[in-house]
Amino acid sequence: MALNEIYKDGDSLPINFGTSDPGIVSGEFVSLSASVYGVAETTATERPDGDWYATIRFKGVFAGTTSDAVTVGAPIYLASAATNGTALTTTSSSNRLVGYAVAPKGSGAGAVWVRVNN
């Protein structure tokens, strides 16, 4: 075992969001940066140190919603340039990537299955 190992399993990690409530709710897709994304396992809560934390899952398939038609393998983004939420889109312009579709979906409001894997 490496002496510098922090977590043996890094598929779910507690993330510190600082001193402001990030408004993250369990089940929401979360984009931490342009290349790090996942799904909130827990709703963000303030801890005794004054910082807000949520556990983020970085691996798996999760359902979100979109009115876009989706093909398997299509990149899926948070809608409206958000950093967290369940409203998704196939439009990349100023939106943050959260994963890739694993099942096709026709146009009209409905569920899209998204694979996240960082």
Protein backbone atom coordinates (compact mmCIF):
# COMPACT_ATOMS: atom_id res chain seq x y z
CA MET A 1 0.00 0.00 0.00
CA ALA A 2 1.26 3.45 -0.87
CA LEU A 3 1.94 5.56 2.19
CA ASN A 4 0.49 8.65 0.48
CA GLU A 5 -2.92 7.05 -0.25
CA ILE A 6 -5.78 9.25 1.05
CA TYR A 7 -8.78 7.12 -0.02
CA LYS A 8 -8.67 3.49 -1.18
CA ASP A 9 -11.90 3.88 -3.15
CA GLY A 10 -12.22 7.29 -4.79
CA ASP A 11 -15.59 6.64 -6.46
CA SER A 12 -17.40 8.74 -3.82
CA LEU A 13 -15.70 11.56 -1.96
CA PRO A 14 -16.69 14.29 0.51
CA ILE A 15 -16.09 17.61 -1.26
CA ASN A 16 -15.54 20.89 0.59
CA PHE A 17 -17.44 23.72 -1.14
CA GLY A 18 -16.15 26.47 1.15
CA THR A 19 -18.06 28.85 3.39
CA SER A 20 -21.03 29.52 1.08
CA ASP A 21 -23.97 27.15 0.65
CA PRO A 22 -23.53 25.67 -2.87
CA GLY A 23 -27.22 24.70 -3.01
CA ILE A 24 -26.42 21.09 -3.92
CA VAL A 25 -29.21 18.56 -3.36
CA SER A 26 -28.80 14.78 -3.31
CA GLY A 27 -29.34 13.35 -6.80
CA GLU A 28 -28.17 16.44 -8.68
CA PHE A 29 -25.44 16.32 -11.30
CA VAL A 30 -22.49 18.44 -10.13
CA SER A 31 -19.71 19.94 -12.23
CA LEU A 32 -16.67 20.83 -10.15
CA SER A 33 -14.69 21.96 -13.20
CA ALA A 34 -14.64 21.47 -16.96
CA SER A 35 -13.33 17.93 -16.49
CA VAL A 36 -14.45 16.80 -13.01
CA TYR A 37 -18.11 15.93 -12.57
CA GLY A 38 -20.36 13.54 -10.69
CA VAL A 39 -23.65 13.18 -8.85
CA ALA A 40 -24.40 14.32 -5.31
CA GLU A 41 -25.01 11.41 -2.95
CA THR A 42 -25.79 13.80 -0.11
CA THR A 43 -27.26 17.27 0.13
CA ALA A 44 -24.68 19.92 1.02
CA THR A 45 -24.59 20.63 4.74
CA GLU A 46 -22.60 22.99 6.91
CA ARG A 47 -20.17 21.31 9.26
CA PRO A 48 -18.76 22.64 12.55
CA ASP A 49 -15.74 24.11 10.73
CA GLY A 50 -18.13 26.53 8.94
CA ASP A 51 -17.60 24.96 5.50
CA TRP A 52 -20.23 23.25 3.33
CA TYR A 53 -19.72 19.62 2.26
CA ALA A 54 -21.49 17.12 0.01
CA THR A 55 -20.49 13.59 -0.95
CA ILE A 56 -20.08 13.35 -4.72
CA ARG A 57 -20.18 10.06 -6.66
CA PHE A 58 -17.75 10.11 -9.59
CA LYS A 59 -18.68 6.79 -11.19
CA GLY A 60 -21.98 5.24 -12.28
CA VAL A 61 -25.09 5.72 -14.43
CA PHE A 62 -27.69 8.25 -13.28
CA ALA A 63 -30.98 9.60 -14.64
CA GLY A 64 -31.51 13.25 -15.47
CA THR A 65 -34.10 15.06 -17.57
CA THR A 66 -33.96 16.67 -20.98
CA SER A 67 -36.30 17.52 -23.83
CA ASP A 68 -33.52 16.88 -26.38
CA ALA A 69 -33.34 13.77 -28.55
CA VAL A 70 -30.30 11.79 -27.41
CA THR A 71 -28.15 9.13 -29.08
CA VAL A 72 -25.98 6.61 -27.26
CA GLY A 73 -22.58 8.14 -26.54
CA ALA A 74 -23.76 11.73 -26.86
CA PRO A 75 -22.11 14.15 -24.44
CA ILE A 76 -24.59 15.45 -21.87
CA TYR A 77 -24.31 18.86 -20.21
CA LEU A 78 -25.96 20.74 -17.36
CA ALA A 79 -28.53 23.12 -18.84
CA SER A 80 -28.38 26.92 -18.54
CA ALA A 81 -24.65 27.09 -17.68
CA ALA A 82 -25.41 25.71 -14.19
CA THR A 83 -22.84 23.99 -11.97
CA ASN A 84 -25.40 21.60 -10.44
CA GLY A 85 -28.92 20.34 -11.14
CA THR A 86 -30.91 17.66 -12.95
CA ALA A 87 -31.94 19.64 -16.07
CA LEU A 88 -29.65 18.40 -18.83
CA THR A 89 -28.99 19.22 -22.48
CA THR A 90 -27.00 18.05 -25.49
CA THR A 91 -25.99 21.66 -26.21
CA SER A 92 -22.35 22.28 -25.31
CA SER A 93 -22.25 26.08 -25.69
CA SER A 94 -21.35 27.53 -22.25
CA ASN A 95 -22.73 24.40 -20.50
CA ARG A 96 -20.70 22.03 -18.33
CA LEU A 97 -20.20 18.39 -19.29
CA VAL A 98 -21.53 15.81 -16.80
CA GLY A 99 -21.19 12.57 -18.76
CA TYR A 100 -22.31 10.53 -21.76
CA ALA A 101 -25.68 8.99 -22.69
CA VAL A 102 -25.88 5.20 -22.37
CA ALA A 103 -29.38 4.82 -23.85
CA PRO A 104 -31.17 6.59 -26.70
CA LYS A 105 -34.03 8.99 -26.02
CA GLY A 106 -36.47 10.65 -28.40
CA SER A 107 -37.35 14.35 -28.35
CA GLY A 108 -39.76 15.65 -25.72
CA ALA A 109 -39.41 15.88 -21.96
CA GLY A 110 -38.14 12.70 -20.35
CA ALA A 111 -35.36 10.83 -18.63
CA VAL A 112 -31.87 10.45 -20.05
CA TRP A 113 -29.41 7.93 -18.61
CA VAL A 114 -25.97 9.42 -18.14
CA ARG A 115 -22.71 7.63 -17.38
CA VAL A 116 -20.25 9.58 -15.29
CA ASN A 117 -16.71 8.31 -14.95
CA ASN A 118 -13.77 10.57 -14.17
